[in-house]
N, C-alpha and C. Protein backbone atom coordinates (compact mmCIF):
# COMPACT_ATOMS: atom_id res chain seq x y z
N MET A 1 -3.15 251.82 -90.36
CA MET A 1 -2.58 251.18 -89.17
C MET A 1 -3.03 249.73 -89.13
N LYS A 2 -2.10 248.86 -88.85
CA LYS A 2 -2.38 247.42 -88.78
C LYS A 2 -3.13 247.10 -87.49
N SER A 3 -4.19 246.31 -87.61
CA SER A 3 -4.95 245.96 -86.41
C SER A 3 -4.25 244.83 -85.67
N ALA A 4 -4.42 244.84 -84.36
CA ALA A 4 -3.81 243.80 -83.52
C ALA A 4 -4.58 242.50 -83.71
N GLN A 5 -3.87 241.41 -83.80
CA GLN A 5 -4.47 240.09 -83.93
C GLN A 5 -4.03 239.24 -82.75
N ASP A 6 -4.78 238.18 -82.51
CA ASP A 6 -4.35 237.28 -81.46
C ASP A 6 -3.14 236.47 -81.95
N PRO A 7 -2.35 235.94 -81.02
CA PRO A 7 -1.10 235.26 -81.41
C PRO A 7 -1.31 234.08 -82.36
N ILE A 8 -2.39 233.34 -82.21
CA ILE A 8 -2.59 232.18 -83.08
C ILE A 8 -3.01 232.61 -84.48
N SER A 9 -3.81 233.67 -84.59
CA SER A 9 -4.16 234.19 -85.92
C SER A 9 -2.90 234.70 -86.63
N GLU A 10 -2.04 235.39 -85.88
CA GLU A 10 -0.78 235.88 -86.46
C GLU A 10 0.09 234.71 -86.91
N TYR A 11 0.12 233.66 -86.10
CA TYR A 11 0.88 232.45 -86.42
C TYR A 11 0.37 231.83 -87.72
N LEU A 12 -0.93 231.67 -87.82
CA LEU A 12 -1.52 231.09 -89.04
C LEU A 12 -1.22 231.97 -90.26
N ALA A 13 -1.28 233.28 -90.08
CA ALA A 13 -0.97 234.20 -91.19
C ALA A 13 0.48 234.01 -91.63
N ALA A 14 1.38 233.85 -90.66
CA ALA A 14 2.80 233.64 -91.00
C ALA A 14 2.99 232.32 -91.73
N LEU A 15 2.32 231.26 -91.28
CA LEU A 15 2.42 229.97 -91.97
C LEU A 15 1.91 230.09 -93.40
N ARG A 16 0.77 230.74 -93.58
CA ARG A 16 0.21 230.92 -94.93
C ARG A 16 1.19 231.68 -95.83
N LYS A 17 1.78 232.74 -95.29
CA LYS A 17 2.75 233.53 -96.06
C LYS A 17 3.95 232.67 -96.45
N ASN A 18 4.45 231.90 -95.49
CA ASN A 18 5.60 231.03 -95.77
C ASN A 18 5.26 230.00 -96.83
N LEU A 19 4.10 229.36 -96.70
CA LEU A 19 3.69 228.33 -97.66
C LEU A 19 3.49 228.91 -99.05
N ALA A 20 3.01 230.14 -99.13
CA ALA A 20 2.76 230.78 -100.43
C ALA A 20 4.05 230.99 -101.22
N GLN A 21 5.18 231.04 -100.52
CA GLN A 21 6.47 231.23 -101.20
C GLN A 21 6.83 230.02 -102.06
N GLY A 22 6.32 228.84 -101.67
CA GLY A 22 6.54 227.64 -102.47
C GLY A 22 7.78 226.83 -102.13
N ASP A 23 8.64 227.35 -101.27
CA ASP A 23 9.87 226.61 -100.95
C ASP A 23 10.14 226.55 -99.45
N ALA A 24 9.09 226.67 -98.64
CA ALA A 24 9.24 226.64 -97.19
C ALA A 24 9.67 225.25 -96.72
N THR A 25 10.44 225.23 -95.65
CA THR A 25 10.88 223.98 -95.03
C THR A 25 10.50 224.01 -93.55
N GLU A 26 10.83 222.96 -92.85
CA GLU A 26 10.59 222.88 -91.41
C GLU A 26 11.15 224.10 -90.68
N HIS A 27 12.33 224.53 -91.06
CA HIS A 27 13.00 225.63 -90.38
C HIS A 27 12.34 226.98 -90.67
N THR A 28 11.70 227.11 -91.81
CA THR A 28 11.06 228.37 -92.21
C THR A 28 10.03 228.82 -91.19
N HIS A 29 9.30 227.88 -90.62
CA HIS A 29 8.17 228.20 -89.75
C HIS A 29 8.54 228.36 -88.27
N ARG A 30 9.76 228.04 -87.93
CA ARG A 30 10.14 228.00 -86.51
C ARG A 30 10.02 229.37 -85.83
N ALA A 31 10.40 230.44 -86.50
CA ALA A 31 10.31 231.77 -85.90
C ALA A 31 8.85 232.12 -85.58
N ALA A 32 7.93 231.75 -86.45
CA ALA A 32 6.51 232.02 -86.19
C ALA A 32 6.03 231.25 -84.97
N LEU A 33 6.49 230.01 -84.83
CA LEU A 33 6.11 229.20 -83.66
C LEU A 33 6.67 229.83 -82.38
N GLN A 34 7.91 230.27 -82.43
CA GLN A 34 8.51 230.92 -81.27
C GLN A 34 7.71 232.16 -80.86
N ARG A 35 7.36 233.00 -81.83
CA ARG A 35 6.59 234.21 -81.53
C ARG A 35 5.24 233.85 -80.91
N MET A 36 4.57 232.83 -81.44
CA MET A 36 3.27 232.44 -80.91
C MET A 36 3.40 231.96 -79.47
N VAL A 37 4.34 231.06 -79.21
CA VAL A 37 4.50 230.52 -77.86
C VAL A 37 4.80 231.64 -76.87
N GLU A 38 5.71 232.52 -77.22
CA GLU A 38 6.07 233.60 -76.31
C GLU A 38 4.93 234.59 -76.11
N ALA A 39 4.06 234.75 -77.12
CA ALA A 39 2.93 235.67 -76.99
C ALA A 39 1.82 235.08 -76.12
N ILE A 40 1.60 233.77 -76.20
CA ILE A 40 0.54 233.19 -75.37
C ILE A 40 1.02 232.89 -73.96
N ALA A 41 2.33 232.87 -73.76
CA ALA A 41 2.89 232.59 -72.43
C ALA A 41 3.95 233.64 -72.09
N PRO A 42 3.52 234.85 -71.73
CA PRO A 42 4.48 235.90 -71.39
C PRO A 42 5.44 235.43 -70.29
N GLY A 43 6.71 235.77 -70.48
CA GLY A 43 7.72 235.37 -69.51
C GLY A 43 8.41 234.07 -69.87
N VAL A 44 7.88 233.36 -70.86
CA VAL A 44 8.51 232.12 -71.31
C VAL A 44 9.42 232.45 -72.48
N ALA A 45 10.63 231.96 -72.42
CA ALA A 45 11.60 232.14 -73.50
C ALA A 45 11.69 230.84 -74.29
N THR A 46 11.72 230.96 -75.60
CA THR A 46 11.92 229.79 -76.46
C THR A 46 13.31 229.93 -77.06
N ILE A 47 14.13 228.93 -76.83
CA ILE A 47 15.50 228.95 -77.33
C ILE A 47 15.57 228.00 -78.52
N ASN A 48 15.93 228.54 -79.66
CA ASN A 48 16.03 227.76 -80.88
C ASN A 48 17.35 227.00 -80.90
N GLU A 49 17.28 225.70 -81.02
CA GLU A 49 18.45 224.83 -81.10
C GLU A 49 19.45 225.09 -79.98
N ALA A 50 18.98 224.91 -78.76
CA ALA A 50 19.86 225.01 -77.59
C ALA A 50 20.89 223.89 -77.64
N LYS A 51 21.81 223.90 -76.68
CA LYS A 51 22.86 222.88 -76.63
C LYS A 51 22.26 221.48 -76.66
N LYS A 52 22.99 220.59 -77.28
CA LYS A 52 22.59 219.19 -77.34
C LYS A 52 22.54 218.60 -75.93
N ILE A 53 21.55 217.74 -75.71
CA ILE A 53 21.43 217.04 -74.43
C ILE A 53 21.58 215.54 -74.70
N ALA A 54 21.49 214.72 -73.68
CA ALA A 54 21.76 213.29 -73.81
C ALA A 54 20.98 212.61 -74.93
N CYS A 55 19.69 212.95 -75.10
CA CYS A 55 18.87 212.25 -76.10
C CYS A 55 18.90 212.91 -77.47
N GLY A 56 19.54 214.07 -77.59
CA GLY A 56 19.61 214.74 -78.88
C GLY A 56 19.55 216.25 -78.72
N ALA A 57 19.02 216.91 -79.75
CA ALA A 57 18.95 218.37 -79.75
C ALA A 57 17.55 218.81 -80.19
N PRO A 58 16.59 218.82 -79.26
CA PRO A 58 15.24 219.26 -79.62
C PRO A 58 15.28 220.68 -80.20
N ASP A 59 14.37 220.97 -81.11
CA ASP A 59 14.40 222.23 -81.83
C ASP A 59 14.22 223.45 -80.93
N LEU A 60 13.24 223.40 -80.04
CA LEU A 60 13.00 224.53 -79.14
C LEU A 60 13.05 224.06 -77.69
N THR A 61 13.72 224.85 -76.86
CA THR A 61 13.74 224.63 -75.43
C THR A 61 12.96 225.77 -74.80
N LEU A 62 12.04 225.45 -73.90
CA LEU A 62 11.22 226.46 -73.25
C LEU A 62 11.66 226.62 -71.81
N ARG A 63 11.83 227.90 -71.41
CA ARG A 63 12.24 228.20 -70.03
C ARG A 63 11.49 229.41 -69.53
N LYS A 64 11.28 229.43 -68.24
CA LYS A 64 10.78 230.64 -67.57
C LYS A 64 11.87 231.01 -66.58
N GLY A 65 12.61 232.06 -66.92
CA GLY A 65 13.81 232.39 -66.16
C GLY A 65 14.79 231.25 -66.34
N LYS A 66 15.23 230.67 -65.24
CA LYS A 66 16.16 229.53 -65.32
C LYS A 66 15.44 228.19 -65.19
N ILE A 67 14.12 228.24 -65.05
CA ILE A 67 13.35 227.00 -64.87
C ILE A 67 13.06 226.37 -66.23
N PRO A 68 13.57 225.16 -66.46
CA PRO A 68 13.25 224.48 -67.73
C PRO A 68 11.79 224.01 -67.70
N LEU A 69 11.07 224.30 -68.78
CA LEU A 69 9.66 223.91 -68.85
C LEU A 69 9.42 222.73 -69.77
N GLY A 70 10.21 222.59 -70.81
CA GLY A 70 10.03 221.49 -71.75
C GLY A 70 10.66 221.81 -73.09
N HIS A 71 10.27 221.01 -74.08
CA HIS A 71 10.84 221.14 -75.42
C HIS A 71 9.74 221.02 -76.46
N ILE A 72 10.03 221.55 -77.64
CA ILE A 72 9.16 221.36 -78.79
C ILE A 72 10.04 220.86 -79.93
N GLU A 73 9.65 219.75 -80.51
CA GLU A 73 10.34 219.19 -81.69
C GLU A 73 9.44 219.42 -82.90
N THR A 74 9.99 220.07 -83.91
CA THR A 74 9.21 220.39 -85.09
C THR A 74 9.55 219.46 -86.25
N LYS A 75 8.53 219.21 -87.04
CA LYS A 75 8.68 218.51 -88.32
C LYS A 75 7.97 219.36 -89.36
N ASP A 76 8.31 219.20 -90.60
CA ASP A 76 7.73 220.02 -91.65
C ASP A 76 6.23 219.80 -91.75
N ILE A 77 5.53 220.82 -92.17
CA ILE A 77 4.08 220.70 -92.41
C ILE A 77 3.85 219.55 -93.38
N GLY A 78 2.93 218.69 -93.03
CA GLY A 78 2.62 217.54 -93.87
C GLY A 78 3.34 216.27 -93.46
N THR A 79 4.28 216.35 -92.54
CA THR A 79 4.95 215.15 -92.03
C THR A 79 3.91 214.31 -91.29
N PRO A 80 3.80 213.03 -91.61
CA PRO A 80 2.81 212.18 -90.92
C PRO A 80 3.25 211.87 -89.48
N LEU A 81 2.74 212.64 -88.53
CA LEU A 81 3.15 212.48 -87.14
C LEU A 81 2.82 211.09 -86.60
N GLY A 82 1.72 210.51 -87.05
CA GLY A 82 1.37 209.16 -86.60
C GLY A 82 2.45 208.16 -86.93
N GLU A 83 3.02 208.27 -88.12
CA GLU A 83 4.12 207.39 -88.52
C GLU A 83 5.34 207.62 -87.64
N VAL A 84 5.67 208.89 -87.40
CA VAL A 84 6.80 209.23 -86.55
C VAL A 84 6.59 208.63 -85.16
N GLU A 85 5.37 208.77 -84.63
CA GLU A 85 5.08 208.30 -83.27
C GLU A 85 5.03 206.78 -83.17
N ARG A 86 4.97 206.11 -84.29
CA ARG A 86 5.10 204.64 -84.30
C ARG A 86 6.56 204.22 -84.47
N GLY A 87 7.46 205.21 -84.47
CA GLY A 87 8.88 204.93 -84.59
C GLY A 87 9.30 204.60 -86.01
N LYS A 88 8.49 204.99 -86.98
CA LYS A 88 8.75 204.67 -88.39
C LYS A 88 9.27 205.90 -89.13
N GLY A 89 9.73 205.67 -90.35
CA GLY A 89 10.15 206.75 -91.22
C GLY A 89 11.47 207.38 -90.79
N PRO A 90 11.82 208.47 -91.47
CA PRO A 90 13.12 209.10 -91.21
C PRO A 90 13.27 209.72 -89.83
N HIS A 91 12.16 209.96 -89.13
CA HIS A 91 12.24 210.59 -87.80
C HIS A 91 11.90 209.63 -86.68
N GLY A 92 11.66 208.38 -86.99
CA GLY A 92 11.22 207.40 -85.99
C GLY A 92 12.22 207.15 -84.87
N GLU A 93 13.48 207.02 -85.21
CA GLU A 93 14.50 206.76 -84.18
C GLU A 93 14.66 207.96 -83.26
N GLN A 94 14.62 209.15 -83.83
CA GLN A 94 14.70 210.36 -83.02
C GLN A 94 13.51 210.42 -82.06
N PHE A 95 12.32 210.11 -82.55
CA PHE A 95 11.14 210.12 -81.70
C PHE A 95 11.32 209.17 -80.52
N LYS A 96 11.83 207.98 -80.77
CA LYS A 96 12.03 207.01 -79.68
C LYS A 96 12.99 207.56 -78.63
N ARG A 97 14.08 208.22 -79.08
CA ARG A 97 15.04 208.81 -78.13
C ARG A 97 14.38 209.90 -77.30
N TYR A 98 13.61 210.76 -77.96
CA TYR A 98 12.98 211.87 -77.25
C TYR A 98 11.90 211.36 -76.31
N LYS A 99 11.14 210.39 -76.73
CA LYS A 99 10.09 209.83 -75.88
C LYS A 99 10.69 209.25 -74.61
N ALA A 100 11.84 208.60 -74.74
CA ALA A 100 12.51 208.00 -73.58
C ALA A 100 13.29 209.02 -72.76
N GLY A 101 13.78 210.09 -73.39
CA GLY A 101 14.70 210.98 -72.72
C GLY A 101 14.17 212.34 -72.28
N LEU A 102 13.04 212.77 -72.84
CA LEU A 102 12.51 214.09 -72.48
C LEU A 102 11.30 213.92 -71.56
N PRO A 103 11.31 214.56 -70.39
CA PRO A 103 10.19 214.40 -69.47
C PRO A 103 8.93 215.13 -69.90
N ASN A 104 9.04 216.17 -70.73
CA ASN A 104 7.89 217.00 -71.08
C ASN A 104 8.18 217.67 -72.42
N TRP A 105 7.43 217.27 -73.46
CA TRP A 105 7.72 217.83 -74.77
C TRP A 105 6.53 217.70 -75.71
N VAL A 106 6.59 218.48 -76.78
CA VAL A 106 5.56 218.48 -77.81
C VAL A 106 6.22 218.16 -79.15
N LEU A 107 5.58 217.29 -79.90
CA LEU A 107 5.96 217.01 -81.29
C LEU A 107 4.93 217.70 -82.16
N THR A 108 5.40 218.48 -83.14
CA THR A 108 4.47 219.20 -83.99
C THR A 108 4.92 219.25 -85.44
N ASP A 109 3.93 219.29 -86.33
CA ASP A 109 4.19 219.61 -87.73
C ASP A 109 3.70 221.04 -88.00
N TYR A 110 3.63 221.83 -86.96
CA TYR A 110 3.16 223.21 -86.96
C TYR A 110 1.65 223.34 -87.03
N LEU A 111 0.96 222.26 -87.36
CA LEU A 111 -0.50 222.27 -87.42
C LEU A 111 -1.11 221.37 -86.36
N ARG A 112 -0.49 220.23 -86.11
CA ARG A 112 -0.91 219.27 -85.09
C ARG A 112 0.13 219.33 -83.97
N PHE A 113 -0.34 219.29 -82.73
CA PHE A 113 0.54 219.37 -81.57
C PHE A 113 0.25 218.17 -80.68
N ASP A 114 1.24 217.29 -80.48
CA ASP A 114 1.09 216.11 -79.63
C ASP A 114 2.03 216.26 -78.44
N TRP A 115 1.47 216.18 -77.24
CA TRP A 115 2.20 216.43 -76.00
C TRP A 115 2.48 215.11 -75.30
N PHE A 116 3.73 214.97 -74.85
CA PHE A 116 4.20 213.76 -74.16
C PHE A 116 4.78 214.14 -72.81
N VAL A 117 4.39 213.39 -71.78
CA VAL A 117 4.90 213.59 -70.43
C VAL A 117 5.36 212.24 -69.90
N GLY A 118 6.60 212.19 -69.42
CA GLY A 118 7.12 210.94 -68.86
C GLY A 118 7.07 209.78 -69.84
N GLY A 119 7.25 210.07 -71.11
CA GLY A 119 7.27 209.02 -72.13
C GLY A 119 5.90 208.60 -72.62
N GLU A 120 4.83 209.21 -72.09
CA GLU A 120 3.47 208.83 -72.48
C GLU A 120 2.76 209.99 -73.16
N PHE A 121 1.95 209.65 -74.16
CA PHE A 121 1.12 210.64 -74.83
C PHE A 121 0.14 211.22 -73.81
N ARG A 122 0.08 212.55 -73.72
CA ARG A 122 -0.82 213.21 -72.78
C ARG A 122 -2.05 213.77 -73.49
N LYS A 123 -1.80 214.49 -74.60
CA LYS A 123 -2.91 215.17 -75.27
C LYS A 123 -2.46 215.62 -76.66
N GLY A 124 -3.41 215.68 -77.57
CA GLY A 124 -3.14 216.20 -78.90
C GLY A 124 -4.15 217.28 -79.26
N ALA A 125 -3.76 218.19 -80.14
CA ALA A 125 -4.65 219.24 -80.61
C ALA A 125 -4.26 219.60 -82.03
N THR A 126 -5.27 219.81 -82.87
CA THR A 126 -5.02 220.18 -84.26
C THR A 126 -5.53 221.59 -84.51
N LEU A 127 -4.65 222.45 -84.95
CA LEU A 127 -4.96 223.83 -85.25
C LEU A 127 -5.56 223.95 -86.66
N ALA A 128 -4.96 223.24 -87.60
CA ALA A 128 -5.39 223.31 -88.99
C ALA A 128 -4.89 222.07 -89.72
N THR A 129 -5.41 221.86 -90.91
CA THR A 129 -4.91 220.79 -91.78
C THR A 129 -4.49 221.43 -93.10
N LEU A 130 -3.66 220.73 -93.82
CA LEU A 130 -3.20 221.19 -95.12
C LEU A 130 -4.04 220.52 -96.19
N GLY A 131 -4.77 221.32 -96.93
CA GLY A 131 -5.64 220.77 -97.97
C GLY A 131 -4.86 220.35 -99.20
N PRO A 132 -5.50 219.59 -100.09
CA PRO A 132 -4.83 219.15 -101.32
C PRO A 132 -4.40 220.32 -102.20
N ASP A 133 -5.03 221.48 -102.00
CA ASP A 133 -4.67 222.67 -102.76
C ASP A 133 -3.49 223.42 -102.13
N GLY A 134 -2.95 222.86 -101.02
CA GLY A 134 -1.83 223.49 -100.35
C GLY A 134 -2.23 224.61 -99.41
N LYS A 135 -3.52 224.79 -99.20
CA LYS A 135 -4.00 225.85 -98.31
C LYS A 135 -4.38 225.27 -96.95
N LEU A 136 -4.23 226.10 -95.91
CA LEU A 136 -4.55 225.67 -94.56
C LEU A 136 -6.05 225.76 -94.33
N LYS A 137 -6.59 224.71 -93.72
CA LYS A 137 -8.00 224.69 -93.33
C LYS A 137 -8.03 224.66 -91.81
N VAL A 138 -8.45 225.77 -91.22
CA VAL A 138 -8.47 225.91 -89.76
C VAL A 138 -9.55 225.00 -89.19
N GLN A 139 -9.20 224.30 -88.12
CA GLN A 139 -10.14 223.40 -87.43
C GLN A 139 -10.95 224.19 -86.42
N PRO A 140 -12.28 224.03 -86.44
CA PRO A 140 -13.10 224.73 -85.44
C PRO A 140 -12.64 224.35 -84.03
N GLY A 141 -12.42 225.36 -83.21
CA GLY A 141 -11.99 225.13 -81.83
C GLY A 141 -10.52 224.78 -81.69
N GLY A 142 -9.82 224.61 -82.80
CA GLY A 142 -8.43 224.19 -82.77
C GLY A 142 -7.51 225.19 -82.10
N ALA A 143 -7.75 226.48 -82.33
CA ALA A 143 -6.88 227.51 -81.74
C ALA A 143 -6.93 227.43 -80.21
N LEU A 144 -8.12 227.33 -79.67
CA LEU A 144 -8.26 227.26 -78.21
C LEU A 144 -7.63 225.98 -77.66
N GLU A 145 -7.83 224.86 -78.36
CA GLU A 145 -7.24 223.59 -77.92
C GLU A 145 -5.72 223.65 -77.92
N VAL A 146 -5.13 224.22 -78.97
CA VAL A 146 -3.67 224.33 -79.05
C VAL A 146 -3.16 225.25 -77.96
N GLU A 147 -3.83 226.37 -77.76
CA GLU A 147 -3.40 227.29 -76.71
C GLU A 147 -3.45 226.61 -75.35
N HIS A 148 -4.52 225.91 -75.05
CA HIS A 148 -4.65 225.21 -73.76
C HIS A 148 -3.57 224.14 -73.61
N LEU A 149 -3.31 223.38 -74.67
CA LEU A 149 -2.28 222.34 -74.63
C LEU A 149 -0.92 222.96 -74.31
N LEU A 150 -0.56 224.02 -75.02
CA LEU A 150 0.75 224.64 -74.81
C LEU A 150 0.86 225.25 -73.42
N LEU A 151 -0.19 225.91 -72.96
CA LEU A 151 -0.14 226.50 -71.61
C LEU A 151 -0.03 225.41 -70.55
N ALA A 152 -0.77 224.32 -70.71
CA ALA A 152 -0.69 223.21 -69.75
C ALA A 152 0.70 222.59 -69.77
N MET A 153 1.28 222.46 -70.95
CA MET A 153 2.60 221.87 -71.09
C MET A 153 3.66 222.71 -70.37
N MET A 154 3.42 224.02 -70.27
CA MET A 154 4.41 224.91 -69.67
C MET A 154 4.19 225.15 -68.18
N GLU A 155 3.25 224.47 -67.57
CA GLU A 155 3.06 224.59 -66.12
C GLU A 155 4.27 223.98 -65.43
N PRO A 156 4.91 224.71 -64.52
CA PRO A 156 6.13 224.19 -63.87
C PRO A 156 5.95 222.84 -63.18
N ASP A 157 4.78 222.58 -62.61
CA ASP A 157 4.60 221.28 -61.94
C ASP A 157 4.58 220.13 -62.94
N VAL A 158 4.15 220.39 -64.16
CA VAL A 158 4.17 219.36 -65.21
C VAL A 158 5.58 219.25 -65.78
N ALA A 159 6.18 220.40 -66.01
CA ALA A 159 7.48 220.44 -66.67
C ALA A 159 8.57 219.74 -65.87
N THR A 160 8.44 219.70 -64.58
CA THR A 160 9.50 219.12 -63.76
C THR A 160 9.22 217.67 -63.34
N VAL A 161 8.25 217.03 -64.00
CA VAL A 161 7.96 215.62 -63.71
C VAL A 161 9.20 214.79 -63.99
N GLU A 162 9.57 213.95 -63.06
CA GLU A 162 10.72 213.06 -63.26
C GLU A 162 10.27 211.80 -63.96
N THR A 163 11.12 211.28 -64.83
CA THR A 163 10.81 210.03 -65.52
C THR A 163 11.68 208.92 -64.99
């Protein structure tokens, strides 16, 4: 019988399995992220590629019932988020649109999670890093930091901040 694991351990196991295949892409990991978010926040639904909105089509839309909580935009593991957040590279223009248009959202490469509220960086947390050998190196305390960041991001009073 398989033992129960916490949602973040299961998430990391899924990422490791995907990476071991050798041909994983940004989209490969999205289901694991959805399962993790929904497991740490019961009652929250993650909608993959919901309808396009004015600033674009964020990868995941988070809702509790009909209450919109925010969005998560994913980039492939290893994407330099700092470059993206400076508006550079292939995702820089999209980042600028989302920063200006989304009141509450997270940018992630599945390992690092950067939270933005009202166009401003609120908090970042790193779950793991990708080593030169292609293996994940879990950051001490990273699981708790990521869980706290995601739960805080989904608080209705934060999610409904007007910009």
